[in-house]
Amino acid sequence: MEKGIHNYSEIGKLNKVLLHRLGEEIEGLVPDNFERLLFDDIPYLKVAREEHDIFAGLLRENGIEVVYYVDETAKALADDEIRKDFVKRFLKESDIYSQAAKEVLEDYLINMSPRELVGTAIAGIKKTDINVKNANSLADYIASGYPYYTDPMPNLYFTRDPGACVGNGLNVHHMSTRARRREALLLQYMFKYNKDFAPEGSNLWYDYDHDFSMEGGDVLVLSKDIVAVGLSQRTTANGIERFAENILNKSSFQKILVFDIPKSRAFMHLDTVFTMVDYDKFTIHPEIEGPLQIYEITLNKDGKAHFESIQGELEDILRDELRLPAVELIRCGGDDAMAAQREQWNDGSNTLAIAPGVVITYERNYVTNDLLEKKGIKVITMPSSELSRGRGGPRCMSCPVNRDDL
């Protein structure tokens, strides 16, 4: 199979995955900007990188091609005109109100190699990096207390969110927060101008400039017919409807299941509370086990979205929708309420399936890992003392590009 975008399940043998190896952007985190940059702790970069390299190594050992955000975006920016266009868009999205600063930053970035440009865009440009003369407007004065001209992107190592490869196409997401918006800009250029990543004929189901927010942690490809999407703190009903009409009209998918999950940081995305680990097995956070509100989107004869409400136990709904004799939900932390809370905080439900019944997890979630193994799942563990400080697990840190069909 060619290694373009091809993804019709959550569990098919993984062939290619997009990661981001953490860089200087992590060093931009300080308690003063936690809220602005969506963190509540500071990973130690040296060790976080070592852990991330182990993650990439485990993927490669299992025959998976690992590609990186910096390399793939740099390929897209090889052409001078495309690079100039990117710099203008990037600065426009970086909320720089000073004209003097904008001009100096444009000159500064345009003279870099594509790879250096992408690395700098992700790391953020500090006021100490360049000298802006004639900066004497009110905008300059107001911004003078903040150390960055352009914010770093410390969340980018969670490559799941800016986009999602679904079927033979890609979502480039409108991220819910300013802090993460520009991550998807990198992906938009990758999709448009890097034909290694997105060969001719790859579809675009959702675009950066669409009006409503949607994020990849809320998108699960349950089967060749069904995509599940979380209606969450970060993904809107309007965004889901637009995605549904696009993909159902232009692909072989038959329906979208919308899971209405609590709108809080603890349940930030659907994949923090629910992931697929085998044909008939799912990990789940116990707090969403009760009757769940689920909506089904299909198309009517005019190609417009048609909605129906489904109520019931998650187990029964999944069994019926996936046409299975039975479905097993494996609780994060088992029956121990404290273990469930602790391991949920460290993304115990956020497993990455690399083949049916084979998952990568954080080794620290030993209660959940033990339960998975008892249920016949092969668990490959990785260290996460520093990576887990960003509040995301192996599924969050990976964007599957190509999987075998089931």
Protein backbone atom coordinates (compact mmCIF):
# COMPACT_ATOMS: atom_id res chain seq x y z
CA MET A 1 0.00 0.00 0.00
CA GLU A 2 1.25 3.48 -0.78
CA LYS A 3 2.16 5.57 2.25
CA GLY A 4 -0.19 8.47 1.61
CA ILE A 5 -3.16 9.28 3.85
CA HIS A 6 -5.17 6.10 4.48
CA ASN A 7 -6.96 5.56 7.78
CA TYR A 8 -10.17 3.57 8.12
CA SER A 9 -9.86 2.35 11.72
CA GLU A 10 -8.39 3.04 15.17
CA ILE A 11 -6.64 -0.32 15.41
CA GLY A 12 -5.46 -1.42 11.93
CA LYS A 13 -1.70 -2.10 11.68
CA LEU A 14 -0.09 1.34 11.85
CA ASN A 15 2.28 2.07 8.94
CA LYS A 16 3.07 5.78 9.23
CA VAL A 17 2.72 8.34 12.01
CA LEU A 18 3.36 12.08 12.39
CA LEU A 19 5.13 13.18 15.61
CA HIS A 20 6.79 16.31 16.95
CA ARG A 21 10.03 15.94 18.93
CA LEU A 22 9.91 18.49 21.73
CA GLY A 23 12.21 21.49 21.33
CA GLU A 24 13.03 24.93 22.71
CA GLU A 25 9.32 25.83 22.85
CA ILE A 26 9.15 23.85 26.13
CA GLU A 27 11.78 26.15 27.68
CA GLY A 28 9.38 29.05 27.09
CA LEU A 29 7.03 27.74 29.79
CA VAL A 30 7.02 29.63 33.09
CA PRO A 31 4.29 29.86 35.77
CA ASP A 32 3.45 33.38 34.50
CA ASN A 33 2.32 32.05 31.11
CA PHE A 34 0.78 28.68 32.12
CA GLU A 35 -2.75 29.92 31.54
CA ARG A 36 -1.86 31.60 28.25
CA LEU A 37 -0.06 28.50 26.91
CA LEU A 38 -2.40 25.87 28.48
CA PHE A 39 0.08 24.14 30.78
CA ASP A 40 0.09 23.57 34.53
CA ASP A 41 3.63 22.23 34.86
CA ILE A 42 7.02 22.43 33.12
CA PRO A 43 8.49 19.26 31.55
CA TYR A 44 12.28 18.96 31.89
CA LEU A 45 13.21 19.18 28.22
CA LYS A 46 16.28 16.90 28.24
CA VAL A 47 14.41 13.98 29.84
CA ALA A 48 11.15 14.66 27.95
CA ARG A 49 13.10 14.37 24.69
CA GLU A 50 14.72 11.11 25.82
CA GLU A 51 11.26 9.72 26.62
CA HIS A 52 9.89 10.91 23.28
CA ASP A 53 12.83 9.29 21.45
CA ILE A 54 12.00 6.00 23.20
CA PHE A 55 8.38 6.38 21.99
CA ALA A 56 9.57 6.93 18.39
CA GLY A 57 11.98 3.98 18.77
CA LEU A 58 9.17 1.65 19.89
CA LEU A 59 7.12 2.69 16.86
CA ARG A 60 10.04 2.04 14.48
CA GLU A 61 10.75 -1.35 16.12
CA ASN A 62 7.20 -2.28 15.19
CA GLY A 63 7.74 -1.41 11.52
CA ILE A 64 6.12 2.04 11.62
CA GLU A 65 7.53 4.94 9.60
CA VAL A 66 7.93 7.98 11.87
CA VAL A 67 7.84 11.44 10.28
CA TYR A 68 8.22 14.74 12.11
CA TYR A 69 6.32 18.04 11.96
CA VAL A 70 9.47 20.14 11.41
CA ASP A 71 10.73 18.02 8.49
CA GLU A 72 7.36 17.68 6.78
CA THR A 73 6.51 21.40 7.08
CA ALA A 74 10.01 22.36 5.89
CA LYS A 75 9.46 20.28 2.72
CA ALA A 76 6.27 22.27 2.10
CA LEU A 77 8.20 25.57 2.36
CA ALA A 78 10.97 24.74 -0.15
CA ASP A 79 9.64 27.28 -2.68
CA ASP A 80 10.56 30.95 -1.99
CA GLU A 81 7.07 32.32 -2.73
CA ILE A 82 5.34 29.74 -0.53
CA ARG A 83 7.84 30.52 2.24
CA LYS A 84 7.09 34.28 1.99
CA ASP A 85 3.37 33.56 2.08
CA PHE A 86 3.82 31.37 5.18
CA VAL A 87 5.81 34.06 7.01
CA LYS A 88 3.08 36.64 6.35
CA ARG A 89 0.33 34.27 7.53
CA PHE A 90 2.31 33.19 10.57
CA LEU A 91 2.96 36.77 11.70
CA LYS A 92 -0.66 37.74 11.05
CA GLU A 93 -1.78 34.85 13.30
CA SER A 94 0.76 35.79 16.00
CA ASP A 95 -1.12 38.96 17.09
CA ILE A 96 1.72 41.42 16.53
CA TYR A 97 0.16 44.87 16.70
CA SER A 98 3.37 46.85 16.14
CA GLN A 99 4.07 47.59 12.47
CA ALA A 100 7.77 48.20 13.22
CA ALA A 101 8.11 44.81 14.91
CA LYS A 102 6.19 43.05 12.12
CA GLU A 103 8.55 44.40 9.43
CA VAL A 104 11.70 43.43 11.32
CA LEU A 105 10.31 39.95 12.09
CA GLU A 106 9.41 39.41 8.44
CA ASP A 107 12.99 40.19 7.35
CA TYR A 108 14.35 38.02 10.16
CA LEU A 109 12.27 34.96 9.18
CA ILE A 110 12.38 35.26 5.40
CA ASN A 111 16.17 34.83 5.33
CA MET A 112 16.12 31.49 7.17
CA SER A 113 16.28 28.03 5.61
CA PRO A 114 12.87 26.26 5.60
CA ARG A 115 13.90 24.00 8.48
CA GLU A 116 15.24 26.85 10.60
CA LEU A 117 12.11 28.89 9.86
CA VAL A 118 9.78 26.11 11.05
CA GLY A 119 11.89 25.48 14.17
CA THR A 120 11.87 29.20 15.02
CA ALA A 121 8.11 29.51 14.44
CA ILE A 122 7.53 26.65 16.90
CA ALA A 123 10.09 27.80 19.49
CA GLY A 124 8.77 31.38 19.55
CA ILE A 125 10.71 34.60 18.89
CA LYS A 126 11.91 36.37 22.01
CA LYS A 127 12.37 40.14 22.24
CA THR A 128 16.05 39.45 22.94
CA ASP A 129 16.42 37.61 19.58
CA ILE A 130 16.03 40.72 17.41
CA ASN A 131 16.37 44.47 17.71
CA VAL A 132 13.35 46.57 16.71
CA LYS A 133 14.24 50.25 16.25
CA ASN A 134 11.57 52.98 16.05
CA ALA A 135 9.22 50.94 18.21
CA ASN A 136 7.42 53.80 19.90
CA SER A 137 3.70 53.28 19.31
CA LEU A 138 1.14 52.58 22.03
CA ALA A 139 1.03 48.95 20.79
CA ASP A 140 4.79 48.63 21.36
CA TYR A 141 4.52 50.16 24.81
CA ILE A 142 1.65 47.84 25.86
CA ALA A 143 3.50 44.74 24.62
CA SER A 144 6.85 45.70 26.15
CA GLY A 145 6.40 43.70 29.37
CA TYR A 146 5.98 40.34 27.61
CA PRO A 147 9.20 38.47 26.65
CA TYR A 148 8.01 37.12 23.26
CA TYR A 149 7.15 38.72 19.93
CA THR A 150 5.61 35.40 18.82
CA ASP A 151 4.51 32.84 21.40
CA PRO A 152 6.10 29.38 21.51
CA MET A 153 3.98 26.31 20.67
CA PRO A 154 4.65 23.94 23.60
CA ASN A 155 1.48 21.90 22.92
CA LEU A 156 2.63 20.78 19.47
CA TYR A 157 4.05 17.50 20.77
CA PHE A 158 0.37 16.49 20.99
CA THR A 159 0.20 16.10 17.21
CA ARG A 160 -3.23 14.42 17.41
CA ASP A 161 -5.09 17.72 17.81
CA PRO A 162 -4.17 20.10 14.93
CA GLY A 163 -5.41 17.56 12.40
CA ALA A 164 -6.84 14.10 11.85
CA CYS A 165 -6.30 11.68 8.98
CA VAL A 166 -9.67 10.08 8.25
CA GLY A 167 -10.16 7.71 5.31
CA ASN A 168 -8.17 9.12 2.39
CA GLY A 169 -8.34 12.69 3.66
CA LEU A 170 -7.32 15.14 6.32
CA ASN A 171 -8.92 17.55 8.74
CA VAL A 172 -6.90 20.72 9.33
CA HIS A 173 -8.57 21.91 12.49
CA HIS A 174 -9.69 25.31 13.66
CA MET A 175 -8.21 24.98 17.15
CA SER A 176 -10.34 26.12 20.05
CA THR A 177 -7.65 28.28 21.73
CA ARG A 178 -5.39 31.08 20.45
CA ALA A 179 -2.44 29.26 22.03
CA ARG A 180 -2.78 26.34 19.61
CA ARG A 181 -4.20 27.98 16.48
CA ARG A 182 -0.89 28.26 14.57
CA GLU A 183 -0.05 24.56 15.03
CA ALA A 184 -2.74 23.81 12.43
CA LEU A 185 -1.26 26.46 10.10
CA LEU A 186 1.87 24.29 9.81
CA LEU A 187 -0.35 21.34 8.89
CA GLN A 188 -2.28 23.36 6.31
CA TYR A 189 0.97 24.11 4.43
CA MET A 190 2.04 20.48 4.79
CA PHE A 191 -1.24 19.35 3.20
CA LYS A 192 -1.13 21.90 0.37
CA TYR A 193 2.52 21.81 -0.63
CA ASN A 194 4.13 18.54 0.57
CA LYS A 195 3.09 15.81 -1.85
CA ASP A 196 5.04 13.15 0.09
CA PHE A 197 2.70 13.74 2.99
CA ALA A 198 -0.55 14.34 1.07
CA PRO A 199 -0.33 12.96 -2.49
CA GLU A 200 -2.59 14.31 -5.26
CA GLY A 201 -6.15 13.16 -4.66
CA SER A 202 -6.01 13.43 -0.86
CA ASN A 203 -9.25 14.99 0.41
CA LEU A 204 -9.61 17.91 2.80
CA TRP A 205 -12.61 17.37 5.10
CA TYR A 206 -12.12 20.40 7.34
CA ASP A 207 -9.94 23.48 6.91
CA TYR A 208 -8.00 25.89 9.07
CA ASP A 209 -10.22 28.80 8.03
CA HIS A 210 -13.55 27.15 8.86
CA ASP A 211 -15.45 29.17 11.45
CA PHE A 212 -15.99 26.67 14.24
CA SER A 213 -13.55 24.88 16.48
CA MET A 214 -12.79 21.19 16.20
CA GLU A 215 -9.79 19.20 17.54
CA GLY A 216 -8.28 15.82 16.70
CA GLY A 217 -8.47 14.30 20.17
CA ASP A 218 -12.22 14.23 19.59
CA VAL A 219 -12.03 12.22 16.34
CA LEU A 220 -12.02 8.39 16.47
CA VAL A 221 -12.33 6.25 13.32
CA LEU A 222 -14.39 3.36 14.74
CA SER A 223 -14.71 1.44 11.45
CA LYS A 224 -14.67 1.86 7.68
CA ASP A 225 -18.28 3.10 7.98
CA ILE A 226 -18.36 5.09 11.24
CA VAL A 227 -16.43 8.03 12.68
CA ALA A 228 -17.00 9.01 16.33
CA VAL A 229 -16.58 12.66 17.31
CA GLY A 230 -16.62 14.10 20.83
CA LEU A 231 -18.80 17.14 21.49
CA SER A 232 -16.41 18.54 24.08
CA GLN A 233 -14.85 21.61 25.61
CA ARG A 234 -12.82 22.04 22.39
CA THR A 235 -15.06 20.69 19.58
CA THR A 236 -18.31 22.47 18.67
CA ALA A 237 -21.63 21.17 17.31
CA ASN A 238 -21.32 23.47 14.25
CA GLY A 239 -17.80 22.19 13.54
CA ILE A 240 -18.97 18.57 13.75
CA GLU A 241 -21.91 19.25 11.40
CA ARG A 242 -19.66 20.81 8.76
CA PHE A 243 -17.17 17.94 8.97
CA ALA A 244 -20.02 15.39 8.79
CA GLU A 245 -21.60 16.89 5.66
CA ASN A 246 -18.22 17.03 3.90
CA ILE A 247 -17.02 13.53 4.69
CA LEU A 248 -20.39 11.75 4.33
CA ASN A 249 -20.94 13.33 0.90
CA LYS A 250 -17.46 12.64 -0.46
CA SER A 251 -16.29 9.35 1.07
CA SER A 252 -17.42 5.81 1.85
CA PHE A 253 -18.20 6.63 5.52
CA GLN A 254 -21.89 6.15 6.34
CA LYS A 255 -22.42 7.90 9.66
CA ILE A 256 -20.94 10.08 12.39
CA LEU A 257 -21.60 9.26 16.05
CA VAL A 258 -21.42 12.34 18.28
CA PHE A 259 -20.54 11.65 21.94
CA ASP A 260 -21.68 14.44 24.24
CA ILE A 261 -18.99 14.45 26.96
CA PRO A 262 -18.62 16.77 30.00
CA LYS A 263 -17.22 20.20 29.04
CA SER A 264 -14.28 20.36 31.47
CA ARG A 265 -10.50 20.11 31.33
CA ALA A 266 -10.53 16.67 32.96
CA PHE A 267 -12.52 15.42 29.93
CA MET A 268 -10.82 17.70 27.43
CA HIS A 269 -11.25 15.41 24.40
CA LEU A 270 -13.08 12.16 23.70
CA ASP A 271 -9.76 10.25 23.62
CA THR A 272 -8.97 11.23 27.22
CA VAL A 273 -11.94 9.15 28.37
CA PHE A 274 -12.38 6.52 25.67
CA THR A 275 -10.09 4.73 23.19
CA MET A 276 -10.33 1.58 21.07
CA VAL A 277 -7.75 -1.15 21.76
CA ASP A 278 -9.10 -4.17 19.84
CA TYR A 279 -12.00 -5.18 17.58
CA ASP A 280 -14.36 -5.42 20.57
CA LYS A 281 -12.45 -3.77 23.43
CA PHE A 282 -12.24 -0.15 24.61
CA THR A 283 -10.57 1.60 27.52
CA ILE A 284 -12.89 3.94 29.37
CA HIS A 285 -12.86 6.45 32.20
CA PRO A 286 -15.45 5.14 34.74
CA GLU A 287 -17.07 8.58 35.03
CA ILE A 288 -18.58 8.37 31.51
CA GLU A 289 -19.95 4.86 31.99
CA GLY A 290 -23.55 5.76 32.81
CA PRO A 291 -26.18 6.33 30.12
CA LEU A 292 -24.55 8.62 27.58
CA GLN A 293 -26.19 11.06 25.17
CA ILE A 294 -25.11 10.14 21.63
CA TYR A 295 -26.32 11.67 18.37
CA GLU A 296 -26.19 9.97 14.99
CA ILE A 297 -25.55 12.00 11.84
CA THR A 298 -26.38 10.51 8.44
CA LEU A 299 -27.31 12.15 5.13
CA ASN A 300 -30.81 12.70 3.81
CA LYS A 301 -31.62 12.49 0.07
CA ASP A 302 -30.45 16.09 -0.51
CA GLY A 303 -26.99 15.41 0.93
CA LYS A 304 -27.82 17.42 4.08
CA ALA A 305 -27.15 16.21 7.61
CA HIS A 306 -29.93 14.24 9.30
CA PHE A 307 -29.80 13.92 13.11
CA GLU A 308 -31.11 11.30 15.50
CA SER A 309 -30.67 10.92 19.22
CA ILE A 310 -29.53 7.57 20.66
CA GLN A 311 -29.73 6.89 24.36
CA GLY A 312 -28.48 3.91 26.29
CA GLU A 313 -25.47 2.25 27.81
CA LEU A 314 -22.25 2.85 25.88
CA GLU A 315 -21.54 -0.89 25.73
CA ASP A 316 -24.88 -1.62 24.01
CA ILE A 317 -24.59 1.28 21.58
CA LEU A 318 -21.07 0.26 20.48
CA ARG A 319 -22.10 -3.40 20.13
CA ASP A 320 -25.06 -2.49 17.91
CA GLU A 321 -23.26 0.15 15.82
CA LEU A 322 -20.21 -2.04 15.18
CA ARG A 323 -22.37 -5.17 14.70
CA LEU A 324 -20.47 -7.21 17.26
CA PRO A 325 -21.77 -10.05 19.44
CA ALA A 326 -20.43 -8.24 22.51
CA VAL A 327 -18.21 -5.31 23.51
CA GLU A 328 -15.95 -5.06 26.54
CA LEU A 329 -15.22 -1.77 28.31
CA ILE A 330 -11.98 -1.84 30.32
CA ARG A 331 -12.02 0.71 33.12
CA CYS A 332 -9.04 3.01 33.64
CA GLY A 333 -7.85 2.14 37.16
CA GLY A 334 -10.26 -0.82 37.43
CA ASP A 335 -12.65 -0.68 40.38
CA ASP A 336 -10.30 1.38 42.56
CA ALA A 337 -11.70 4.94 42.55
CA MET A 338 -8.38 6.50 43.62
CA ALA A 339 -6.38 4.56 41.02
CA ALA A 340 -8.94 5.61 38.38
CA GLN A 341 -8.50 9.29 39.25
CA ARG A 342 -4.72 9.06 39.46
CA GLU A 343 -4.27 7.13 36.24
CA GLN A 344 -6.85 9.24 34.42
CA TRP A 345 -4.81 12.34 35.39
CA ASN A 346 -1.83 10.62 33.75
CA ASP A 347 -3.85 9.56 30.68
CA GLY A 348 -4.50 5.93 31.54
CA SER A 349 -7.34 5.81 28.97
CA ASN A 350 -5.23 7.44 26.24
CA THR A 351 -3.82 4.34 24.56
CA LEU A 352 -2.35 4.22 21.05
CA ALA A 353 -3.27 1.01 19.19
CA ILE A 354 -0.54 0.08 16.69
CA ALA A 355 -2.30 -3.15 15.61
CA PRO A 356 -5.45 -4.99 16.76
CA GLY A 357 -4.92 -5.80 20.44
CA VAL A 358 -1.46 -4.15 20.59
CA VAL A 359 -1.15 -0.80 22.37
CA ILE A 360 1.46 1.68 23.59
CA THR A 361 0.79 3.16 27.04
CA TYR A 362 2.60 5.09 29.78
CA GLU A 363 4.32 2.63 32.14
CA ARG A 364 3.19 4.70 35.16
CA ASN A 365 -0.44 3.57 34.64
CA TYR A 366 0.34 0.11 35.97
CA VAL A 367 -3.17 -0.68 37.29
CA THR A 368 -4.79 -0.08 33.89
CA ASN A 369 -1.89 -1.76 32.03
CA ASP A 370 -2.27 -4.88 34.17
CA LEU A 371 -6.01 -4.97 33.44
CA LEU A 372 -5.40 -4.62 29.69
CA GLU A 373 -2.95 -7.54 29.76
CA LYS A 374 -5.44 -9.70 31.68
CA LYS A 375 -7.96 -8.99 28.90
CA GLY A 376 -5.50 -10.30 26.29
CA ILE A 377 -4.14 -6.96 25.07
CA LYS A 378 -0.40 -6.77 24.35
CA VAL A 379 0.84 -3.69 26.22
CA ILE A 380 4.06 -1.94 25.21
CA THR A 381 4.99 0.61 27.88
CA MET A 382 7.09 3.76 27.66
CA PRO A 383 8.53 6.10 30.32
CA SER A 384 6.64 9.34 30.93
CA SER A 385 7.83 11.14 34.05
CA GLU A 386 8.26 14.37 32.02
CA LEU A 387 6.03 13.88 28.97
CA SER A 388 2.98 13.32 31.19
CA ARG A 389 3.34 16.82 32.67
CA GLY A 390 1.71 18.14 29.48
CA ARG A 391 -1.46 16.10 30.31
CA GLY A 392 -1.62 13.89 27.25
CA GLY A 393 -0.81 10.24 26.51
CA PRO A 394 0.55 8.19 23.58
CA ARG A 395 -2.61 8.69 21.48
CA CYS A 396 -2.44 12.47 22.02
CA MET A 397 1.24 12.46 20.97
CA SER A 398 0.63 10.75 17.62
CA CYS A 399 -1.20 11.52 14.38
CA PRO A 400 -1.64 8.23 12.45
CA VAL A 401 -1.32 8.90 8.72
CA ASN A 402 -1.60 5.40 7.28
CA ARG A 403 -3.02 2.16 8.64
CA ASP A 404 -3.79 -1.22 7.08
CA ASP A 405 -7.48 -1.91 6.49
CA LEU A 406 -9.05 -4.40 8.87
